[in-house]
Amino acid sequence: MVTVYCGQGLRVVIFLDDHEPAHVHVFGDGQAKINLLGKDGSPELVWVDGMKRGEVRRAMRIVIERQAGLLARWREIHG
């Protein structure tokens, strides 16, 4: 597991042995999985477990703002 962002009470990680499509896991009080490229090209929430709405909004905002860098890291890690 590689932490690719840590801040605002959240930690964004990419698992080394993970699978396509390109996505991140976000940990806070709970956790969420967010695809980096949704159907319209923007990040897409896949599932949430134990996060409050505000935390999910914060997670999505972080991933949207950092989408290009997160995709680059995914490609570095997974080829």
N, C-alpha and C. Protein backbone atom coordinates (compact mmCIF):
# COMPACT_ATOMS: atom_id res chain seq x y z
N MET A 1 0.85 -1.17 0.00
CA MET A 1 0.00 0.00 0.00
C MET A 1 0.90 1.23 0.00
N VAL A 2 0.57 2.18 -0.88
CA VAL A 2 1.34 3.41 -1.00
C VAL A 2 0.40 4.59 -0.67
N THR A 3 0.77 5.38 0.32
CA THR A 3 0.01 6.59 0.63
C THR A 3 0.40 7.66 -0.37
N VAL A 4 -0.58 8.14 -1.15
CA VAL A 4 -0.31 9.12 -2.19
C VAL A 4 -0.77 10.52 -1.79
N TYR A 5 -1.52 10.63 -0.71
CA TYR A 5 -1.92 11.94 -0.18
C TYR A 5 -2.35 11.73 1.27
N CYS A 6 -1.99 12.68 2.10
CA CYS A 6 -2.42 12.66 3.49
C CYS A 6 -2.69 14.10 3.91
N GLY A 7 -3.91 14.37 4.29
CA GLY A 7 -4.27 15.71 4.71
C GLY A 7 -5.76 15.84 4.90
N GLN A 8 -6.18 16.92 5.55
CA GLN A 8 -7.59 17.20 5.78
C GLN A 8 -8.30 16.05 6.48
N GLY A 9 -7.55 15.33 7.30
CA GLY A 9 -8.11 14.22 8.05
C GLY A 9 -8.31 12.94 7.25
N LEU A 10 -7.76 12.89 6.04
CA LEU A 10 -7.93 11.73 5.17
C LEU A 10 -6.58 11.23 4.66
N ARG A 11 -6.55 9.94 4.35
CA ARG A 11 -5.35 9.33 3.75
C ARG A 11 -5.79 8.62 2.48
N VAL A 12 -5.16 8.95 1.36
CA VAL A 12 -5.48 8.36 0.05
C VAL A 12 -4.39 7.37 -0.29
N VAL A 13 -4.78 6.13 -0.59
CA VAL A 13 -3.78 5.09 -0.85
C VAL A 13 -4.08 4.36 -2.16
N ILE A 14 -3.02 3.78 -2.71
CA ILE A 14 -3.11 2.85 -3.84
C ILE A 14 -2.47 1.55 -3.36
N PHE A 15 -3.21 0.47 -3.49
CA PHE A 15 -2.68 -0.84 -3.10
C PHE A 15 -1.78 -1.38 -4.21
N LEU A 16 -0.64 -1.93 -3.82
CA LEU A 16 0.34 -2.43 -4.78
C LEU A 16 -0.18 -3.60 -5.60
N ASP A 17 -1.00 -4.45 -5.01
CA ASP A 17 -1.48 -5.65 -5.71
C ASP A 17 -2.94 -5.49 -6.17
N ASP A 18 -3.35 -4.25 -6.46
CA ASP A 18 -4.73 -3.98 -6.82
C ASP A 18 -4.97 -4.21 -8.30
N HIS A 19 -6.16 -3.96 -8.75
CA HIS A 19 -6.65 -4.31 -10.08
C HIS A 19 -7.20 -3.08 -10.79
N GLU A 20 -7.40 -3.20 -12.09
CA GLU A 20 -8.08 -2.17 -12.88
C GLU A 20 -9.55 -2.18 -12.49
N PRO A 21 -10.29 -1.12 -12.70
CA PRO A 21 -9.84 0.16 -13.23
C PRO A 21 -9.04 0.95 -12.20
N ALA A 22 -8.32 1.96 -12.68
CA ALA A 22 -7.50 2.78 -11.79
C ALA A 22 -8.39 3.41 -10.73
N HIS A 23 -8.00 3.24 -9.47
CA HIS A 23 -8.80 3.77 -8.36
C HIS A 23 -7.93 3.98 -7.14
N VAL A 24 -8.48 4.69 -6.18
CA VAL A 24 -7.82 4.90 -4.89
C VAL A 24 -8.77 4.50 -3.78
N HIS A 25 -8.20 4.25 -2.62
CA HIS A 25 -8.96 4.01 -1.40
C HIS A 25 -8.67 5.20 -0.49
N VAL A 26 -9.73 5.74 0.11
CA VAL A 26 -9.59 6.90 0.99
C VAL A 26 -10.03 6.48 2.39
N PHE A 27 -9.16 6.72 3.37
CA PHE A 27 -9.43 6.35 4.74
C PHE A 27 -9.56 7.59 5.60
N GLY A 28 -10.58 7.60 6.42
CA GLY A 28 -10.81 8.65 7.41
C GLY A 28 -11.44 7.94 8.60
N ASP A 29 -12.63 8.38 9.01
CA ASP A 29 -13.36 7.66 10.05
C ASP A 29 -13.87 6.33 9.51
N GLY A 30 -14.09 6.27 8.22
CA GLY A 30 -14.46 5.06 7.50
C GLY A 30 -13.56 4.95 6.29
N GLN A 31 -14.11 4.43 5.22
CA GLN A 31 -13.31 4.33 4.00
C GLN A 31 -14.20 4.41 2.77
N ALA A 32 -13.58 4.75 1.64
CA ALA A 32 -14.28 4.84 0.37
C ALA A 32 -13.35 4.38 -0.75
N LYS A 33 -13.95 3.89 -1.80
CA LYS A 33 -13.21 3.54 -3.01
C LYS A 33 -13.70 4.48 -4.11
N ILE A 34 -12.74 5.12 -4.81
CA ILE A 34 -13.08 6.09 -5.85
C ILE A 34 -12.32 5.74 -7.12
N ASN A 35 -13.05 5.47 -8.20
CA ASN A 35 -12.42 5.26 -9.50
C ASN A 35 -11.88 6.60 -9.98
N LEU A 36 -10.68 6.59 -10.54
CA LEU A 36 -10.06 7.82 -11.00
C LEU A 36 -10.62 8.31 -12.33
N LEU A 37 -11.18 7.40 -13.12
CA LEU A 37 -11.80 7.76 -14.40
C LEU A 37 -13.18 7.13 -14.48
N GLY A 38 -14.19 7.92 -14.20
CA GLY A 38 -15.57 7.45 -14.33
C GLY A 38 -16.00 7.48 -15.79
N LYS A 39 -17.27 7.20 -16.03
CA LYS A 39 -17.80 7.15 -17.39
C LYS A 39 -17.64 8.48 -18.14
N ASP A 40 -17.70 9.59 -17.40
CA ASP A 40 -17.56 10.90 -18.04
C ASP A 40 -16.14 11.45 -17.96
N GLY A 41 -15.20 10.64 -17.46
CA GLY A 41 -13.81 11.06 -17.38
C GLY A 41 -13.41 11.67 -16.05
N SER A 42 -14.38 11.93 -15.20
CA SER A 42 -14.07 12.48 -13.88
C SER A 42 -14.13 11.36 -12.84
N PRO A 43 -13.55 11.57 -11.66
CA PRO A 43 -13.58 10.55 -10.61
C PRO A 43 -15.02 10.15 -10.25
N GLU A 44 -15.17 8.89 -9.86
CA GLU A 44 -16.50 8.33 -9.59
C GLU A 44 -16.47 7.52 -8.30
N LEU A 45 -17.34 7.83 -7.39
CA LEU A 45 -17.45 7.11 -6.12
C LEU A 45 -17.98 5.71 -6.39
N VAL A 46 -17.26 4.69 -5.88
CA VAL A 46 -17.67 3.30 -6.08
C VAL A 46 -18.45 2.80 -4.87
N TRP A 47 -17.87 2.95 -3.68
CA TRP A 47 -18.56 2.57 -2.45
C TRP A 47 -18.00 3.32 -1.26
N VAL A 48 -18.80 3.33 -0.20
CA VAL A 48 -18.44 4.02 1.05
C VAL A 48 -18.79 3.11 2.20
N ASP A 49 -17.93 3.08 3.21
CA ASP A 49 -18.21 2.30 4.42
C ASP A 49 -17.82 3.12 5.64
N GLY A 50 -18.79 3.61 6.36
CA GLY A 50 -18.55 4.28 7.63
C GLY A 50 -18.16 5.74 7.57
N MET A 51 -18.14 6.35 6.40
CA MET A 51 -17.81 7.77 6.28
C MET A 51 -19.09 8.60 6.34
N LYS A 52 -19.01 9.75 6.97
CA LYS A 52 -20.13 10.69 6.97
C LYS A 52 -20.13 11.46 5.66
N ARG A 53 -21.25 12.06 5.33
CA ARG A 53 -21.38 12.78 4.05
C ARG A 53 -20.31 13.84 3.84
N GLY A 54 -20.03 14.61 4.87
CA GLY A 54 -19.02 15.66 4.74
C GLY A 54 -17.65 15.09 4.43
N GLU A 55 -17.34 13.95 5.03
CA GLU A 55 -16.05 13.31 4.79
C GLU A 55 -15.99 12.76 3.35
N VAL A 56 -17.11 12.23 2.87
CA VAL A 56 -17.16 11.75 1.48
C VAL A 56 -16.98 12.91 0.51
N ARG A 57 -17.65 14.03 0.78
CA ARG A 57 -17.49 15.21 -0.08
C ARG A 57 -16.05 15.68 -0.10
N ARG A 58 -15.42 15.68 1.07
CA ARG A 58 -14.01 16.09 1.17
C ARG A 58 -13.12 15.13 0.38
N ALA A 59 -13.39 13.84 0.49
CA ALA A 59 -12.61 12.82 -0.24
C ALA A 59 -12.76 13.02 -1.74
N MET A 60 -13.99 13.25 -2.20
CA MET A 60 -14.21 13.45 -3.63
C MET A 60 -13.52 14.72 -4.11
N ARG A 61 -13.58 15.78 -3.33
CA ARG A 61 -12.94 17.05 -3.71
C ARG A 61 -11.42 16.85 -3.85
N ILE A 62 -10.83 16.13 -2.91
CA ILE A 62 -9.39 15.88 -2.95
C ILE A 62 -9.02 15.09 -4.21
N VAL A 63 -9.79 14.04 -4.50
CA VAL A 63 -9.48 13.20 -5.66
C VAL A 63 -9.71 13.97 -6.96
N ILE A 64 -10.76 14.76 -7.03
CA ILE A 64 -11.02 15.57 -8.23
C ILE A 64 -9.88 16.55 -8.46
N GLU A 65 -9.47 17.25 -7.41
CA GLU A 65 -8.40 18.25 -7.54
C GLU A 65 -7.06 17.62 -7.89
N ARG A 66 -6.84 16.38 -7.50
CA ARG A 66 -5.55 15.73 -7.70
C ARG A 66 -5.62 14.58 -8.71
N GLN A 67 -6.66 14.55 -9.51
CA GLN A 67 -6.90 13.44 -10.43
C GLN A 67 -5.70 13.12 -11.31
N ALA A 68 -5.14 14.11 -11.97
CA ALA A 68 -4.03 13.87 -12.90
C ALA A 68 -2.83 13.26 -12.18
N GLY A 69 -2.47 13.79 -11.03
CA GLY A 69 -1.35 13.26 -10.27
C GLY A 69 -1.61 11.86 -9.74
N LEU A 70 -2.84 11.61 -9.31
CA LEU A 70 -3.18 10.27 -8.81
C LEU A 70 -3.15 9.24 -9.94
N LEU A 71 -3.63 9.63 -11.13
CA LEU A 71 -3.55 8.73 -12.28
C LEU A 71 -2.10 8.43 -12.65
N ALA A 72 -1.25 9.45 -12.59
CA ALA A 72 0.18 9.25 -12.88
C ALA A 72 0.79 8.28 -11.88
N ARG A 73 0.46 8.42 -10.60
CA ARG A 73 0.98 7.50 -9.57
C ARG A 73 0.46 6.09 -9.80
N TRP A 74 -0.83 5.94 -10.16
CA TRP A 74 -1.40 4.62 -10.44
C TRP A 74 -0.59 3.95 -11.55
N ARG A 75 -0.30 4.70 -12.61
CA ARG A 75 0.43 4.14 -13.74
C ARG A 75 1.87 3.80 -13.37
N GLU A 76 2.51 4.61 -12.51
CA GLU A 76 3.86 4.29 -12.03
C GLU A 76 3.85 2.97 -11.26
N ILE A 77 2.85 2.77 -10.46
CA ILE A 77 2.78 1.59 -9.59
C ILE A 77 2.33 0.35 -10.37
N HIS A 78 1.36 0.51 -11.28
CA HIS A 78 0.77 -0.64 -11.95
C HIS A 78 1.13 -0.78 -13.41
N GLY A 79 1.91 0.16 -13.94
CA GLY A 79 2.36 0.04 -15.32
C GLY A 79 1.34 0.43 -16.35
